[in-house]
Amino acid sequence: MARNPPVPDDEIVRTLKRLYRAGECDSADGGVPSCAIAEELGVTNSPINRRLKHDDRARSVWGIGPNGPRPSWIPLVECERASATSHAEGDL
């Protein structure tokens, strides 16, 4: 069984941010699916999910993928911006 090449956490988060900004997100306010991050980095989904789960720079959210609901990832800075916009609109 082939092993995943080592990928630094910073590279995973940079890839997440780049894909998120490029709009590579699931519908229904989903984030970037781990399979997209894994494909970019040449690894499987499992280490991506495991590493992002414990990284304070990303948050897991649900979105709608091609086969239905699935977890995906949003960079934390993007979460804070979306939350601030949502709260500001709610105050109107």
PDB file of N, CA and C in Angstrom:
ATOM      1  N   MET A   1       0.844  -1.182   0.000  1.00  0.00           N
ATOM      2  CA  MET A   1       0.000   0.000   0.000  1.00  0.00           C
ATOM      3  C   MET A   1       0.889   1.246   0.000  1.00  0.00           C
ATOM      4  N   ALA A   2       0.660   2.154  -0.925  1.00  0.00           N
ATOM      5  CA  ALA A   2       1.461   3.374  -1.026  1.00  0.00           C
ATOM      6  C   ALA A   2       1.111   4.344   0.090  1.00  0.00           C
ATOM      7  N   ARG A   3       2.132   4.997   0.591  1.00  0.00           N
ATOM      8  CA  ARG A   3       1.927   5.986   1.651  1.00  0.00           C
ATOM      9  C   ARG A   3       1.780   7.367   1.036  1.00  0.00           C
ATOM     10  N   ASN A   4       1.052   8.236   1.740  1.00  0.00           N
ATOM     11  CA  ASN A   4       0.940   9.616   1.297  1.00  0.00           C
ATOM     12  C   ASN A   4       2.269  10.320   1.514  1.00  0.00           C
ATOM     13  N   PRO A   5       2.677  11.166   0.562  1.00  0.00           N
ATOM     14  CA  PRO A   5       3.886  11.952   0.805  1.00  0.00           C
ATOM     15  C   PRO A   5       3.621  12.947   1.939  1.00  0.00           C
ATOM     16  N   PRO A   6       4.639  13.287   2.719  1.00  0.00           N
ATOM     17  CA  PRO A   6       4.415  14.247   3.801  1.00  0.00           C
ATOM     18  C   PRO A   6       4.065  15.623   3.236  1.00  0.00           C
ATOM     19  N   VAL A   7       3.039  16.232   3.790  1.00  0.00           N
ATOM     20  CA  VAL A   7       2.614  17.570   3.375  1.00  0.00           C
ATOM     21  C   VAL A   7       2.516  18.423   4.636  1.00  0.00           C
ATOM     22  N   PRO A   8       3.248  19.536   4.691  1.00  0.00           N
ATOM     23  CA  PRO A   8       3.175  20.399   5.879  1.00  0.00           C
ATOM     24  C   PRO A   8       1.767  20.974   6.071  1.00  0.00           C
ATOM     25  N   ASP A   9       1.387  21.172   7.326  1.00  0.00           N
ATOM     26  CA  ASP A   9       0.076  21.755   7.632  1.00  0.00           C
ATOM     27  C   ASP A   9      -0.120  23.090   6.926  1.00  0.00           C
ATOM     28  N   ASP A  10       0.938  23.915   6.884  1.00  0.00           N
ATOM     29  CA  ASP A  10       0.820  25.220   6.222  1.00  0.00           C
ATOM     30  C   ASP A  10       0.448  25.076   4.751  1.00  0.00           C
ATOM     31  N   GLU A  11       0.977  24.062   4.089  1.00  0.00           N
ATOM     32  CA  GLU A  11       0.664  23.835   2.677  1.00  0.00           C
ATOM     33  C   GLU A  11      -0.792  23.409   2.502  1.00  0.00           C
ATOM     34  N   ILE A  12      -1.296  22.615   3.420  1.00  0.00           N
ATOM     35  CA  ILE A  12      -2.707  22.207   3.375  1.00  0.00           C
ATOM     36  C   ILE A  12      -3.601  23.433   3.522  1.00  0.00           C
ATOM     37  N   VAL A  13      -3.286  24.297   4.483  1.00  0.00           N
ATOM     38  CA  VAL A  13      -4.106  25.492   4.718  1.00  0.00           C
ATOM     39  C   VAL A  13      -3.985  26.460   3.542  1.00  0.00           C
ATOM     40  N   ARG A  14      -2.785  26.626   2.976  1.00  0.00           N
ATOM     41  CA  ARG A  14      -2.630  27.496   1.800  1.00  0.00           C
ATOM     42  C   ARG A  14      -3.472  26.976   0.638  1.00  0.00           C
ATOM     43  N   THR A  15      -3.466  25.677   0.445  1.00  0.00           N
ATOM     44  CA  THR A  15      -4.259  25.080  -0.636  1.00  0.00           C
ATOM     45  C   THR A  15      -5.750  25.275  -0.380  1.00  0.00           C
ATOM     46  N   LEU A  16      -6.179  25.081   0.851  1.00  0.00           N
ATOM     47  CA  LEU A  16      -7.579  25.319   1.220  1.00  0.00           C
ATOM     48  C   LEU A  16      -7.973  26.756   0.901  1.00  0.00           C
ATOM     49  N   LYS A  17      -7.160  27.721   1.325  1.00  0.00           N
ATOM     50  CA  LYS A  17      -7.474  29.138   1.072  1.00  0.00           C
ATOM     51  C   LYS A  17      -7.551  29.429  -0.424  1.00  0.00           C
ATOM     52  N   ARG A  18      -6.582  28.907  -1.186  1.00  0.00           N
ATOM     53  CA  ARG A  18      -6.558  29.170  -2.625  1.00  0.00           C
ATOM     54  C   ARG A  18      -7.799  28.595  -3.310  1.00  0.00           C
ATOM     55  N   LEU A  19      -8.156  27.365  -2.971  1.00  0.00           N
ATOM     56  CA  LEU A  19      -9.340  26.746  -3.574  1.00  0.00           C
ATOM     57  C   LEU A  19     -10.620  27.453  -3.141  1.00  0.00           C
ATOM     58  N   TYR A  20     -10.679  27.880  -1.888  1.00  0.00           N
ATOM     59  CA  TYR A  20     -11.862  28.588  -1.389  1.00  0.00           C
ATOM     60  C   TYR A  20     -12.044  29.905  -2.151  1.00  0.00           C
ATOM     61  N   ARG A  21     -10.962  30.641  -2.296  1.00  0.00           N
ATOM     62  CA  ARG A  21     -11.036  31.929  -3.010  1.00  0.00           C
ATOM     63  C   ARG A  21     -11.337  31.747  -4.490  1.00  0.00           C
ATOM     64  N   ALA A  22     -10.953  30.593  -5.036  1.00  0.00           N
ATOM     65  CA  ALA A  22     -11.232  30.296  -6.448  1.00  0.00           C
ATOM     66  C   ALA A  22     -12.658  29.788  -6.649  1.00  0.00           C
ATOM     67  N   GLY A  23     -13.403  29.611  -5.548  1.00  0.00           N
ATOM     68  CA  GLY A  23     -14.793  29.180  -5.653  1.00  0.00           C
ATOM     69  C   GLY A  23     -14.985  27.679  -5.782  1.00  0.00           C
ATOM     70  N   GLU A  24     -13.976  26.907  -5.434  1.00  0.00           N
ATOM     71  CA  GLU A  24     -14.066  25.437  -5.522  1.00  0.00           C
ATOM     72  C   GLU A  24     -14.797  24.882  -4.301  1.00  0.00           C
ATOM     73  N   CYS A  25     -16.018  25.347  -4.090  1.00  0.00           N
ATOM     74  CA  CYS A  25     -16.782  25.006  -2.885  1.00  0.00           C
ATOM     75  C   CYS A  25     -18.055  24.245  -3.231  1.00  0.00           C
ATOM     76  N   ASP A  26     -18.507  23.462  -2.262  1.00  0.00           N
ATOM     77  CA  ASP A  26     -19.801  22.808  -2.394  1.00  0.00           C
ATOM     78  C   ASP A  26     -20.908  23.853  -2.324  1.00  0.00           C
ATOM     79  N   SER A  27     -22.064  23.522  -2.882  1.00  0.00           N
ATOM     80  CA  SER A  27     -23.202  24.438  -2.825  1.00  0.00           C
ATOM     81  C   SER A  27     -23.804  24.452  -1.423  1.00  0.00           C
ATOM     82  N   ALA A  28     -24.801  25.287  -1.223  1.00  0.00           N
ATOM     83  CA  ALA A  28     -25.500  25.436   0.062  1.00  0.00           C
ATOM     84  C   ALA A  28     -24.547  25.908   1.156  1.00  0.00           C
ATOM     85  N   ASP A  29     -23.728  26.913   0.825  1.00  0.00           N
ATOM     86  CA  ASP A  29     -22.774  27.507   1.774  1.00  0.00           C
ATOM     87  C   ASP A  29     -21.724  26.524   2.264  1.00  0.00           C
ATOM     88  N   GLY A  30     -21.415  25.531   1.447  1.00  0.00           N
ATOM     89  CA  GLY A  30     -20.365  24.581   1.808  1.00  0.00           C
ATOM     90  C   GLY A  30     -18.992  25.169   1.562  1.00  0.00           C
ATOM     91  N   GLY A  31     -18.009  24.479   2.028  1.00  0.00           N
ATOM     92  CA  GLY A  31     -16.623  24.879   1.830  1.00  0.00           C
ATOM     93  C   GLY A  31     -15.969  24.002   0.771  1.00  0.00           C
ATOM     94  N   VAL A  32     -14.664  23.927   0.853  1.00  0.00           N
ATOM     95  CA  VAL A  32     -13.881  23.129  -0.082  1.00  0.00           C
ATOM     96  C   VAL A  32     -13.888  21.672   0.395  1.00  0.00           C
ATOM     97  N   PRO A  33     -14.316  20.737  -0.445  1.00  0.00           N
ATOM     98  CA  PRO A  33     -14.301  19.330  -0.024  1.00  0.00           C
ATOM     99  C   PRO A  33     -12.865  18.823   0.098  1.00  0.00           C
ATOM    100  N   SER A  34     -12.656  17.929   1.037  1.00  0.00           N
ATOM    101  CA  SER A  34     -11.303  17.410   1.265  1.00  0.00           C
ATOM    102  C   SER A  34     -10.744  16.722   0.022  1.00  0.00           C
ATOM    103  N   CYS A  35     -11.607  16.140  -0.802  1.00  0.00           N
ATOM    104  CA  CYS A  35     -11.116  15.467  -2.009  1.00  0.00           C
ATOM    105  C   CYS A  35     -10.453  16.457  -2.968  1.00  0.00           C
ATOM    106  N   ALA A  36     -10.933  17.702  -3.014  1.00  0.00           N
ATOM    107  CA  ALA A  36     -10.324  18.715  -3.878  1.00  0.00           C
ATOM    108  C   ALA A  36      -8.944  19.110  -3.351  1.00  0.00           C
ATOM    109  N   ILE A  37      -8.835  19.259  -2.036  1.00  0.00           N
ATOM    110  CA  ILE A  37      -7.543  19.595  -1.423  1.00  0.00           C
ATOM    111  C   ILE A  37      -6.568  18.443  -1.637  1.00  0.00           C
ATOM    112  N   ALA A  38      -7.035  17.227  -1.388  1.00  0.00           N
ATOM    113  CA  ALA A  38      -6.186  16.040  -1.542  1.00  0.00           C
ATOM    114  C   ALA A  38      -5.688  15.891  -2.976  1.00  0.00           C
ATOM    115  N   GLU A  39      -6.571  16.120  -3.931  1.00  0.00           N
ATOM    116  CA  GLU A  39      -6.183  16.003  -5.339  1.00  0.00           C
ATOM    117  C   GLU A  39      -5.089  17.005  -5.687  1.00  0.00           C
ATOM    118  N   GLU A  40      -5.239  18.235  -5.219  1.00  0.00           N
ATOM    119  CA  GLU A  40      -4.233  19.268  -5.467  1.00  0.00           C
ATOM    120  C   GLU A  40      -2.872  18.891  -4.892  1.00  0.00           C
ATOM    121  N   LEU A  41      -2.880  18.231  -3.735  1.00  0.00           N
ATOM    122  CA  LEU A  41      -1.634  17.912  -3.034  1.00  0.00           C
ATOM    123  C   LEU A  41      -1.111  16.508  -3.331  1.00  0.00           C
ATOM    124  N   GLY A  42      -1.873  15.715  -4.070  1.00  0.00           N
ATOM    125  CA  GLY A  42      -1.434  14.373  -4.422  1.00  0.00           C
ATOM    126  C   GLY A  42      -1.458  13.383  -3.268  1.00  0.00           C
ATOM    127  N   VAL A  43      -2.443  13.547  -2.379  1.00  0.00           N
ATOM    128  CA  VAL A  43      -2.605  12.637  -1.239  1.00  0.00           C
ATOM    129  C   VAL A  43      -4.056  12.166  -1.185  1.00  0.00           C
ATOM    130  N   THR A  44      -4.372  11.307  -0.219  1.00  0.00           N
ATOM    131  CA  THR A  44      -5.751  10.856  -0.042  1.00  0.00           C
ATOM    132  C   THR A  44      -6.485  11.785   0.922  1.00  0.00           C
ATOM    133  N   ASN A  45      -7.812  11.634   0.989  1.00  0.00           N
ATOM    134  CA  ASN A  45      -8.643  12.499   1.844  1.00  0.00           C
ATOM    135  C   ASN A  45      -8.342  12.353   3.326  1.00  0.00           C
ATOM    136  N   SER A  46      -8.046  11.152   3.759  1.00  0.00           N
ATOM    137  CA  SER A  46      -7.922  10.866   5.187  1.00  0.00           C
ATOM    138  C   SER A  46      -6.952  11.791   5.929  1.00  0.00           C
ATOM    139  N   PRO A  47      -5.713  11.985   5.442  1.00  0.00           N
ATOM    140  CA  PRO A  47      -4.827  12.883   6.182  1.00  0.00           C
ATOM    141  C   PRO A  47      -5.287  14.339   6.137  1.00  0.00           C
ATOM    142  N   ILE A  48      -5.953  14.725   5.070  1.00  0.00           N
ATOM    143  CA  ILE A  48      -6.452  16.103   4.976  1.00  0.00           C
ATOM    144  C   ILE A  48      -7.489  16.336   6.063  1.00  0.00           C
ATOM    145  N   ASN A  49      -8.472  15.464   6.154  1.00  0.00           N
ATOM    146  CA  ASN A  49      -9.511  15.614   7.182  1.00  0.00           C
ATOM    147  C   ASN A  49      -8.924  15.574   8.588  1.00  0.00           C
ATOM    148  N   ARG A  50      -8.027  14.640   8.819  1.00  0.00           N
ATOM    149  CA  ARG A  50      -7.433  14.483  10.151  1.00  0.00           C
ATOM    150  C   ARG A  50      -6.639  15.733  10.552  1.00  0.00           C
ATOM    151  N   ARG A  51      -5.863  16.270   9.638  1.00  0.00           N
ATOM    152  CA  ARG A  51      -5.013  17.414   9.956  1.00  0.00           C
ATOM    153  C   ARG A  51      -5.837  18.689  10.109  1.00  0.00           C
ATOM    154  N   LEU A  52      -6.822  18.911   9.210  1.00  0.00           N
ATOM    155  CA  LEU A  52      -7.627  20.129   9.316  1.00  0.00           C
ATOM    156  C   LEU A  52      -8.521  20.107  10.548  1.00  0.00           C
ATOM    157  N   LYS A  53      -8.951  18.933  10.954  1.00  0.00           N
ATOM    158  CA  LYS A  53      -9.799  18.811  12.147  1.00  0.00           C
ATOM    159  C   LYS A  53      -9.110  19.401  13.378  1.00  0.00           C
ATOM    160  N   HIS A  54      -7.790  19.304  13.421  1.00  0.00           N
ATOM    161  CA  HIS A  54      -7.028  19.777  14.576  1.00  0.00           C
ATOM    162  C   HIS A  54      -6.310  21.096  14.313  1.00  0.00           C
ATOM    163  N   ASP A  55      -6.617  21.749  13.208  1.00  0.00           N
ATOM    164  CA  ASP A  55      -5.961  23.014  12.864  1.00  0.00           C
ATOM    165  C   ASP A  55      -6.917  24.161  13.155  1.00  0.00           C
ATOM    166  N   ASP A  56      -6.466  25.132  13.931  1.00  0.00           N
ATOM    167  CA  ASP A  56      -7.342  26.246  14.307  1.00  0.00           C
ATOM    168  C   ASP A  56      -7.507  27.281  13.198  1.00  0.00           C
ATOM    169  N   ARG A  57      -6.966  27.005  12.019  1.00  0.00           N
ATOM    170  CA  ARG A  57      -7.118  27.928  10.888  1.00  0.00           C
ATOM    171  C   ARG A  57      -8.206  27.490   9.920  1.00  0.00           C
ATOM    172  N   ALA A  58      -8.929  26.407  10.249  1.00  0.00           N
ATOM    173  CA  ALA A  58      -9.986  25.889   9.367  1.00  0.00           C
ATOM    174  C   ALA A  58     -11.163  25.410  10.199  1.00  0.00           C
ATOM    175  N   ARG A  59     -12.340  25.431   9.575  1.00  0.00           N
ATOM    176  CA  ARG A  59     -13.548  24.945  10.242  1.00  0.00           C
ATOM    177  C   ARG A  59     -14.314  24.052   9.278  1.00  0.00           C
ATOM    178  N   SER A  60     -14.873  22.991   9.818  1.00  0.00           N
ATOM    179  CA  SER A  60     -15.672  22.070   9.019  1.00  0.00           C
ATOM    180  C   SER A  60     -17.105  22.589   8.925  1.00  0.00           C
ATOM    181  N   VAL A  61     -17.656  22.568   7.717  1.00  0.00           N
ATOM    182  CA  VAL A  61     -19.047  22.960   7.478  1.00  0.00           C
ATOM    183  C   VAL A  61     -19.669  21.924   6.544  1.00  0.00           C
ATOM    184  N   TRP A  62     -20.982  21.874   6.508  1.00  0.00           N
ATOM    185  CA  TRP A  62     -21.675  20.972   5.590  1.00  0.00           C
ATOM    186  C   TRP A  62     -22.042  21.717   4.319  1.00  0.00           C
ATOM    187  N   GLY A  63     -21.921  21.036   3.210  1.00  0.00           N
ATOM    188  CA  GLY A  63     -22.335  21.562   1.925  1.00  0.00           C
ATOM    189  C   GLY A  63     -22.983  20.441   1.133  1.00  0.00           C
ATOM    190  N   ILE A  64     -23.373  20.755  -0.084  1.00  0.00           N
ATOM    191  CA  ILE A  64     -23.984  19.754  -0.956  1.00  0.00           C
ATOM    192  C   ILE A  64     -23.014  19.466  -2.097  1.00  0.00           C
ATOM    193  N   GLY A  65     -22.519  18.244  -2.141  1.00  0.00           N
ATOM    194  CA  GLY A  65     -21.639  17.795  -3.214  1.00  0.00           C
ATOM    195  C   GLY A  65     -22.448  17.111  -4.302  1.00  0.00           C
ATOM    196  N   PRO A  66     -21.792  16.508  -5.274  1.00  0.00           N
ATOM    197  CA  PRO A  66     -22.509  15.871  -6.378  1.00  0.00           C
ATOM    198  C   PRO A  66     -23.380  14.687  -5.955  1.00  0.00           C
ATOM    199  N   ASN A  67     -23.072  14.081  -4.802  1.00  0.00           N
ATOM    200  CA  ASN A  67     -23.852  12.926  -4.335  1.00  0.00           C
ATOM    201  C   ASN A  67     -24.638  13.214  -3.066  1.00  0.00           C
ATOM    202  N   GLY A  68     -24.829  14.479  -2.740  1.00  0.00           N
ATOM    203  CA  GLY A  68     -25.590  14.834  -1.545  1.00  0.00           C
ATOM    204  C   GLY A  68     -24.746  15.548  -0.496  1.00  0.00           C
ATOM    205  N   PRO A  69     -25.281  15.681   0.710  1.00  0.00           N
ATOM    206  CA  PRO A  69     -24.582  16.413   1.772  1.00  0.00           C
ATOM    207  C   PRO A  69     -23.242  15.765   2.133  1.00  0.00           C
ATOM    208  N   ARG A  70     -22.264  16.613   2.404  1.00  0.00           N
ATOM    209  CA  ARG A  70     -20.959  16.123   2.845  1.00  0.00           C
ATOM    210  C   ARG A  70     -20.228  17.233   3.600  1.00  0.00           C
ATOM    211  N   PRO A  71     -19.301  16.845   4.468  1.00  0.00           N
ATOM    212  CA  PRO A  71     -18.509  17.852   5.170  1.00  0.00           C
ATOM    213  C   PRO A  71     -17.491  18.476   4.220  1.00  0.00           C
ATOM    214  N   SER A  72     -17.164  19.715   4.488  1.00  0.00           N
ATOM    215  CA  SER A  72     -16.166  20.421   3.695  1.00  0.00           C
ATOM    216  C   SER A  72     -15.461  21.408   4.630  1.00  0.00           C
ATOM    217  N   TRP A  73     -14.537  22.193   4.099  1.00  0.00           N
ATOM    218  CA  TRP A  73     -13.689  23.043   4.939  1.00  0.00           C
ATOM    219  C   TRP A  73     -13.695  24.489   4.479  1.00  0.00           C
ATOM    220  N   ILE A  74     -13.687  25.396   5.454  1.00  0.00           N
ATOM    221  CA  ILE A  74     -13.589  26.833   5.199  1.00  0.00           C
ATOM    222  C   ILE A  74     -12.405  27.360   5.996  1.00  0.00           C
ATOM    223  N   PRO A  75     -11.570  28.207   5.364  1.00  0.00           N
ATOM    224  CA  PRO A  75     -10.493  28.831   6.138  1.00  0.00           C
ATOM    225  C   PRO A  75     -11.104  29.703   7.226  1.00  0.00           C
ATOM    226  N   LEU A  76     -10.559  29.683   8.417  1.00  0.00           N
ATOM    227  CA  LEU A  76     -11.152  30.389   9.548  1.00  0.00           C
ATOM    228  C   LEU A  76     -11.296  31.879   9.296  1.00  0.00           C
ATOM    229  N   VAL A  77     -10.335  32.511   8.657  1.00  0.00           N
ATOM    230  CA  VAL A  77     -10.439  33.939   8.360  1.00  0.00           C
ATOM    231  C   VAL A  77     -11.672  34.203   7.513  1.00  0.00           C
ATOM    232  N   GLU A  78     -11.956  33.333   6.562  1.00  0.00           N
ATOM    233  CA  GLU A  78     -13.138  33.486   5.715  1.00  0.00           C
ATOM    234  C   GLU A  78     -14.413  33.308   6.533  1.00  0.00           C
ATOM    235  N   CYS A  79     -14.385  32.411   7.510  1.00  0.00           N
ATOM    236  CA  CYS A  79     -15.547  32.204   8.386  1.00  0.00           C
ATOM    237  C   CYS A  79     -15.859  33.476   9.154  1.00  0.00           C
ATOM    238  N   GLU A  80     -14.813  34.106   9.691  1.00  0.00           N
ATOM    239  CA  GLU A  80     -15.011  35.322  10.472  1.00  0.00           C
ATOM    240  C   GLU A  80     -15.584  36.436   9.608  1.00  0.00           C
ATOM    241  N   ARG A  81     -15.108  36.555   8.371  1.00  0.00           N
ATOM    242  CA  ARG A  81     -15.640  37.580   7.460  1.00  0.00           C
ATOM    243  C   ARG A  81     -17.104  37.320   7.146  1.00  0.00           C
ATOM    244  N   ALA A  82     -17.442  36.081   6.845  1.00  0.00           N
ATOM    245  CA  ALA A  82     -18.830  35.729   6.529  1.00  0.00           C
ATOM    246  C   ALA A  82     -19.724  35.977   7.729  1.00  0.00           C
ATOM    247  N   SER A  83     -19.259  35.645   8.910  1.00  0.00           N
ATOM    248  CA  SER A  83     -20.034  35.848  10.129  1.00  0.00           C
ATOM    249  C   SER A  83     -20.254  37.333  10.384  1.00  0.00           C
ATOM    250  N   ALA A  84     -19.224  38.149  10.187  1.00  0.00           N
ATOM    251  CA  ALA A  84     -19.343  39.591  10.401  1.00  0.00           C
ATOM    252  C   ALA A  84     -20.346  40.189   9.424  1.00  0.00           C
ATOM    253  N   THR A  85     -20.313  39.756   8.173  1.00  0.00           N
ATOM    254  CA  THR A  85     -21.263  40.245   7.175  1.00  0.00           C
ATOM    255  C   THR A  85     -22.678  39.829   7.552  1.00  0.00           C
ATOM    256  N   SER A  86     -22.844  38.596   7.961  1.00  0.00           N
ATOM    257  CA  SER A  86     -24.152  38.079   8.343  1.00  0.00           C
ATOM    258  C   SER A  86     -24.719  38.856   9.522  1.00  0.00           C
ATOM    259  N   HIS A  87     -23.886  39.118  10.535  1.00  0.00           N
ATOM    260  CA  HIS A  87     -24.354  39.866  11.697  1.00  0.00           C
ATOM    261  C   HIS A  87     -24.698  41.305  11.320  1.00  0.00           C
ATOM    262  N   ALA A  88     -23.888  41.905  10.445  1.00  0.00           N
ATOM    263  CA  ALA A  88     -24.144  43.283  10.039  1.00  0.00           C
ATOM    264  C   ALA A  88     -25.471  43.376   9.293  1.00  0.00           C
ATOM    265  N   GLU A  89     -25.746  42.415   8.424  1.00  0.00           N
ATOM    266  CA  GLU A  89     -27.003  42.431   7.678  1.00  0.00           C
ATOM    267  C   GLU A  89     -28.184  42.196   8.603  1.00  0.00           C
ATOM    268  N   GLY A  90     -28.000  41.388   9.623  1.00  0.00           N
ATOM    269  CA  GLY A  90     -29.071  41.099  10.570  1.00  0.00           C
ATOM    270  C   GLY A  90     -29.422  42.289  11.439  1.00  0.00           C
ATOM    271  N   ASP A  91     -28.486  43.235  11.572  1.00  0.00           N
ATOM    272  CA  ASP A  91     -28.722  44.407  12.407  1.00  0.00           C
ATOM    273  C   ASP A  91     -29.530  45.481  11.693  1.00  0.00           C
ATOM    274  N   LEU A  92     -29.762  45.310  10.394  1.00  0.00           N
ATOM    275  CA  LEU A  92     -30.492  46.339   9.637  1.00  0.00           C
ATOM    276  C   LEU A  92     -31.936  46.419  10.010  1.00  0.00           C
TER     277      LEU A  92
END
